[in-house]
Amino acid sequence: MGVYSFARYDPAFYGEPRRKNYPALLLQRSMKVLTHETGHMFGLTHCIYFHCVMNGSNHLQESDRRPPHLCPVCLRKLQFSVGFDVAKRYEALEQFFRQMGFEDEAAWTDRRLEKIRRIAGN
């Protein structure tokens, strides 16, 4: 079980105005923290190997710098723990990112999928 609050991811919490991109910003921040905390629930610790959503953070700016994805080490740990098809996971993530308008994340995911398919010979 996990508990999560949106409060500290809202610019208004810090006395800052909510800008036009507020809904997308809140969704991006929420995705990262929920992915991070769910990773802990499945046994992942803070990542020290790569730039990863499982990196620790001590403040909002550090949290914002984290990518929304797992590094190869953490992805493999999660796959071992839970068991899933990595390519199917990335396909679903790419579709979600495109649907939400997160083109940078969708492009990163697409590049990752290309590499996986190339290695698998598909």
Protein backbone atom coordinates (compact mmCIF):
# COMPACT_ATOMS: atom_id res chain seq x y z
CA MET A 1 0.00 0.00 0.00
CA GLY A 2 1.17 3.52 -0.67
CA VAL A 3 -0.09 7.01 0.08
CA TYR A 4 0.47 9.97 -2.21
CA SER A 5 -0.38 13.67 -2.04
CA PHE A 6 -0.42 16.11 -4.96
CA ALA A 7 0.11 19.10 -2.63
CA ARG A 8 3.85 19.66 -2.95
CA TYR A 9 3.77 19.16 -6.74
CA ASP A 10 1.39 22.08 -7.19
CA PRO A 11 3.13 25.46 -7.78
CA ALA A 12 0.47 27.10 -5.57
CA PHE A 13 1.88 25.11 -2.62
CA TYR A 14 5.00 27.29 -2.91
CA GLY A 15 3.05 30.51 -3.46
CA GLU A 16 3.76 30.47 -7.20
CA PRO A 17 1.07 31.06 -9.83
CA ARG A 18 -0.38 28.15 -11.78
CA ARG A 19 0.72 28.71 -15.34
CA LYS A 20 -1.03 27.63 -18.51
CA ASN A 21 0.83 24.30 -18.55
CA TYR A 22 -0.21 23.50 -14.95
CA PRO A 23 -2.26 20.36 -15.77
CA ALA A 24 0.57 18.84 -17.84
CA LEU A 25 3.16 19.79 -15.21
CA LEU A 26 1.12 18.21 -12.41
CA LEU A 27 0.59 15.06 -14.48
CA GLN A 28 4.32 14.77 -15.29
CA ARG A 29 5.30 15.26 -11.66
CA SER A 30 2.65 12.82 -10.49
CA MET A 31 3.71 10.16 -13.01
CA LYS A 32 7.29 10.38 -11.83
CA VAL A 33 6.55 10.19 -8.12
CA LEU A 34 3.95 7.45 -8.51
CA THR A 35 6.33 5.41 -10.68
CA HIS A 36 9.12 5.99 -8.14
CA GLU A 37 7.04 5.03 -5.12
CA THR A 38 5.49 2.02 -6.87
CA GLY A 39 9.03 0.91 -7.69
CA HIS A 40 9.76 0.91 -3.95
CA MET A 41 6.63 -1.17 -3.36
CA PHE A 42 8.08 -3.79 -5.72
CA GLY A 43 11.46 -3.82 -4.00
CA LEU A 44 13.46 -1.25 -5.97
CA THR A 45 15.81 0.99 -4.02
CA HIS A 46 17.16 4.39 -5.07
CA CYS A 47 19.17 4.06 -8.28
CA ILE A 48 22.83 5.04 -8.29
CA TYR A 49 23.69 3.66 -11.73
CA PHE A 50 21.98 5.89 -14.31
CA HIS A 51 19.68 8.88 -14.73
CA CYS A 52 16.49 7.09 -13.64
CA VAL A 53 13.06 7.69 -12.16
CA MET A 54 14.34 5.72 -9.15
CA ASN A 55 17.01 8.34 -8.36
CA GLY A 56 16.46 9.87 -4.96
CA SER A 57 15.46 13.52 -4.68
CA ASN A 58 15.54 16.00 -1.83
CA HIS A 59 13.63 18.85 -3.44
CA LEU A 60 11.25 19.64 -6.27
CA GLN A 61 13.92 20.72 -8.75
CA GLU A 62 15.74 17.42 -8.28
CA SER A 63 12.49 15.55 -8.74
CA ASP A 64 11.71 17.51 -11.92
CA ARG A 65 15.12 16.57 -13.37
CA ARG A 66 14.41 12.85 -13.07
CA PRO A 67 13.26 11.17 -16.27
CA PRO A 68 9.89 9.41 -16.26
CA HIS A 69 11.46 6.05 -17.09
CA LEU A 70 13.46 3.33 -15.40
CA CYS A 71 17.10 2.79 -16.32
CA PRO A 72 18.09 -0.65 -17.72
CA VAL A 73 19.22 -1.88 -14.29
CA CYS A 74 16.00 -0.92 -12.49
CA LEU A 75 13.84 -2.08 -15.41
CA ARG A 76 15.44 -5.52 -15.25
CA LYS A 77 15.00 -5.68 -11.47
CA LEU A 78 11.31 -4.81 -11.83
CA GLN A 79 10.88 -7.30 -14.66
CA PHE A 80 12.46 -10.01 -12.52
CA SER A 81 10.21 -9.12 -9.58
CA VAL A 82 6.92 -8.74 -11.45
CA GLY A 83 7.41 -10.46 -14.80
CA PHE A 84 6.28 -8.60 -17.94
CA ASP A 85 7.10 -8.17 -21.61
CA VAL A 86 9.40 -5.13 -21.87
CA ALA A 87 8.47 -4.36 -25.50
CA LYS A 88 4.74 -4.45 -24.72
CA ARG A 89 5.33 -2.17 -21.74
CA TYR A 90 7.16 0.35 -23.91
CA GLU A 91 4.47 0.13 -26.61
CA ALA A 92 1.80 1.00 -24.04
CA LEU A 93 3.92 3.80 -22.58
CA GLU A 94 4.59 5.29 -26.01
CA GLN A 95 0.87 5.30 -26.79
CA PHE A 96 0.10 6.94 -23.44
CA PHE A 97 2.80 9.61 -23.87
CA ARG A 98 1.53 10.48 -27.36
CA GLN A 99 -2.06 10.60 -26.13
CA MET A 100 -1.05 13.01 -23.35
CA GLY A 101 1.01 15.18 -25.69
CA PHE A 102 4.35 14.30 -24.06
CA GLU A 103 6.26 14.11 -27.34
CA ASP A 104 9.76 14.05 -25.83
CA GLU A 105 8.88 11.05 -23.67
CA ALA A 106 7.13 9.33 -26.60
CA ALA A 107 10.19 9.85 -28.82
CA TRP A 108 12.52 8.46 -26.13
CA THR A 109 10.26 5.43 -25.70
CA ASP A 110 10.12 4.90 -29.47
CA ARG A 111 13.93 4.92 -29.68
CA ARG A 112 14.10 2.40 -26.84
CA LEU A 113 11.59 0.17 -28.64
CA GLU A 114 13.64 0.33 -31.84
CA LYS A 115 16.72 -0.87 -29.95
CA ILE A 116 14.80 -3.71 -28.28
CA ARG A 117 13.34 -4.84 -31.61
CA ARG A 118 16.74 -4.66 -33.30
CA ILE A 119 18.31 -6.82 -30.59
CA ALA A 120 15.42 -9.29 -30.71
CA GLY A 121 15.66 -9.44 -34.50
CA ASN A 122 12.07 -8.28 -35.07
